Amino acid sequence: MTARKNFNTSKVTRMSEVFPQAVIAGNFIFISGTTGFTPSTGKLSDSFEEQAVQSFMNIKTILDELVLFSLLFHNKSFVDISIIG
């Protein structure tokens, strides 16, 4: 069985302390439940389109932080990224 690690960054608003922002399992990174809250304000736009864009920006921030953390502390890089969904 592949070991799993939870990952969180303070740069994106967490909706729950129970669920991590990302889970690393082998060479896979799983992200779910990322909302469209703007991290700098903690607010949610009234516009669906702005929420969707912000949600993807939040996912990008989580991935950027995860890759940086992995390179700095585990000397591991994620080269192949596949989106499953």
C-alpha atoms as a PDB file:
ATOM      1  CA  MET A   1       0.000   0.000   0.000  1.00  0.00           C
ATOM      2  CA  THR A   2       1.273   3.450  -0.915  1.00  0.00           C
ATOM      3  CA  ALA A   3       1.883   5.791   2.000  1.00  0.00           C
ATOM      4  CA  ARG A   4      -0.271   8.918   1.980  1.00  0.00           C
ATOM      5  CA  LYS A   5       0.659  12.377   3.213  1.00  0.00           C
ATOM      6  CA  ASN A   6      -1.669  15.268   3.859  1.00  0.00           C
ATOM      7  CA  PHE A   7      -0.650  18.754   2.754  1.00  0.00           C
ATOM      8  CA  ASN A   8      -2.032  22.179   3.672  1.00  0.00           C
ATOM      9  CA  THR A   9      -0.913  25.730   2.998  1.00  0.00           C
ATOM     10  CA  SER A  10      -1.905  28.855   4.878  1.00  0.00           C
ATOM     11  CA  LYS A  11      -2.029  30.738   1.567  1.00  0.00           C
ATOM     12  CA  VAL A  12      -5.468  29.297   0.726  1.00  0.00           C
ATOM     13  CA  THR A  13      -8.555  29.379   2.945  1.00  0.00           C
ATOM     14  CA  ARG A  14      -9.329  25.957   4.440  1.00  0.00           C
ATOM     15  CA  MET A  15     -12.975  25.033   4.759  1.00  0.00           C
ATOM     16  CA  SER A  16     -12.368  22.354   7.387  1.00  0.00           C
ATOM     17  CA  GLU A  17      -9.581  21.368   9.729  1.00  0.00           C
ATOM     18  CA  VAL A  18     -10.660  17.751   9.217  1.00  0.00           C
ATOM     19  CA  PHE A  19      -9.900  17.478   5.496  1.00  0.00           C
ATOM     20  CA  PRO A  20      -6.517  18.375   3.970  1.00  0.00           C
ATOM     21  CA  GLN A  21      -6.200  20.617   0.924  1.00  0.00           C
ATOM     22  CA  ALA A  22      -4.142  17.953  -0.840  1.00  0.00           C
ATOM     23  CA  VAL A  23      -3.216  14.326  -0.360  1.00  0.00           C
ATOM     24  CA  ILE A  24      -0.013  12.904  -1.815  1.00  0.00           C
ATOM     25  CA  ALA A  25      -0.084   9.176  -2.587  1.00  0.00           C
ATOM     26  CA  GLY A  26       2.951   7.907  -4.439  1.00  0.00           C
ATOM     27  CA  ASN A  27       3.293  10.035  -7.567  1.00  0.00           C
ATOM     28  CA  PHE A  28      -0.289  11.283  -7.364  1.00  0.00           C
ATOM     29  CA  ILE A  29      -1.652  14.491  -5.854  1.00  0.00           C
ATOM     30  CA  PHE A  30      -5.352  14.594  -5.019  1.00  0.00           C
ATOM     31  CA  ILE A  31      -7.091  17.932  -4.446  1.00  0.00           C
ATOM     32  CA  SER A  32     -10.771  18.340  -3.696  1.00  0.00           C
ATOM     33  CA  GLY A  33     -13.202  20.713  -2.051  1.00  0.00           C
ATOM     34  CA  THR A  34     -11.303  23.851  -3.033  1.00  0.00           C
ATOM     35  CA  THR A  35     -13.613  26.850  -2.908  1.00  0.00           C
ATOM     36  CA  GLY A  36     -13.617  30.235  -4.582  1.00  0.00           C
ATOM     37  CA  PHE A  37     -12.870  32.245  -1.442  1.00  0.00           C
ATOM     38  CA  THR A  38     -10.321  35.009  -2.016  1.00  0.00           C
ATOM     39  CA  PRO A  39      -7.461  34.311   0.441  1.00  0.00           C
ATOM     40  CA  SER A  40      -6.540  37.976   0.950  1.00  0.00           C
ATOM     41  CA  THR A  41     -10.077  38.996   1.967  1.00  0.00           C
ATOM     42  CA  GLY A  42     -11.639  35.719   3.098  1.00  0.00           C
ATOM     43  CA  LYS A  43     -14.708  36.658   1.064  1.00  0.00           C
ATOM     44  CA  LEU A  44     -16.690  34.831  -1.597  1.00  0.00           C
ATOM     45  CA  SER A  45     -17.720  36.747  -4.706  1.00  0.00           C
ATOM     46  CA  ASP A  46     -21.387  36.930  -5.669  1.00  0.00           C
ATOM     47  CA  SER A  47     -20.378  36.023  -9.228  1.00  0.00           C
ATOM     48  CA  PHE A  48     -20.220  32.326 -10.118  1.00  0.00           C
ATOM     49  CA  GLU A  49     -17.614  33.057 -12.784  1.00  0.00           C
ATOM     50  CA  GLU A  50     -15.343  34.899 -10.323  1.00  0.00           C
ATOM     51  CA  GLN A  51     -15.734  32.066  -7.799  1.00  0.00           C
ATOM     52  CA  ALA A  52     -14.758  29.500 -10.449  1.00  0.00           C
ATOM     53  CA  VAL A  53     -11.688  31.494 -11.516  1.00  0.00           C
ATOM     54  CA  GLN A  54     -10.658  32.011  -7.884  1.00  0.00           C
ATOM     55  CA  SER A  55     -11.113  28.308  -7.156  1.00  0.00           C
ATOM     56  CA  PHE A  56      -8.657  27.414  -9.940  1.00  0.00           C
ATOM     57  CA  MET A  57      -6.251  30.094  -8.708  1.00  0.00           C
ATOM     58  CA  ASN A  58      -6.471  28.512  -5.240  1.00  0.00           C
ATOM     59  CA  ILE A  59      -5.727  25.083  -6.726  1.00  0.00           C
ATOM     60  CA  LYS A  60      -2.707  26.552  -8.509  1.00  0.00           C
ATOM     61  CA  THR A  61      -1.480  28.065  -5.226  1.00  0.00           C
ATOM     62  CA  ILE A  62      -1.849  24.722  -3.434  1.00  0.00           C
ATOM     63  CA  LEU A  63       0.087  22.941  -6.206  1.00  0.00           C
ATOM     64  CA  ASP A  64       2.786  25.628  -6.296  1.00  0.00           C
ATOM     65  CA  GLU A  65       3.267  25.394  -2.535  1.00  0.00           C
ATOM     66  CA  LEU A  66       3.243  21.600  -2.622  1.00  0.00           C
ATOM     67  CA  VAL A  67       5.896  21.412  -5.337  1.00  0.00           C
ATOM     68  CA  LEU A  68       8.073  23.972  -3.530  1.00  0.00           C
ATOM     69  CA  PHE A  69       7.687  22.089  -0.224  1.00  0.00           C
ATOM     70  CA  SER A  70       8.511  18.767  -1.896  1.00  0.00           C
ATOM     71  CA  LEU A  71      11.604  20.148  -3.592  1.00  0.00           C
ATOM     72  CA  LEU A  72      12.907  21.885  -0.462  1.00  0.00           C
ATOM     73  CA  PHE A  73      12.221  19.221   2.132  1.00  0.00           C
ATOM     74  CA  HIS A  74      11.986  15.925   0.278  1.00  0.00           C
ATOM     75  CA  ASN A  75      14.108  16.451  -2.838  1.00  0.00           C
ATOM     76  CA  LYS A  76      11.165  15.198  -4.882  1.00  0.00           C
ATOM     77  CA  SER A  77       9.725  16.740  -8.010  1.00  0.00           C
ATOM     78  CA  PHE A  78       6.418  16.006  -9.676  1.00  0.00           C
ATOM     79  CA  VAL A  79       7.145  15.923 -13.388  1.00  0.00           C
ATOM     80  CA  ASP A  80       4.033  14.358 -14.915  1.00  0.00           C
ATOM     81  CA  ILE A  81       0.777  16.003 -13.925  1.00  0.00           C
ATOM     82  CA  SER A  82      -2.467  14.431 -15.100  1.00  0.00           C
ATOM     83  CA  ILE A  83      -5.903  15.845 -14.402  1.00  0.00           C
ATOM     84  CA  ILE A  84      -8.475  13.173 -13.654  1.00  0.00           C
ATOM     85  CA  GLY A  85     -12.061  14.212 -13.426  1.00  0.00           C
END
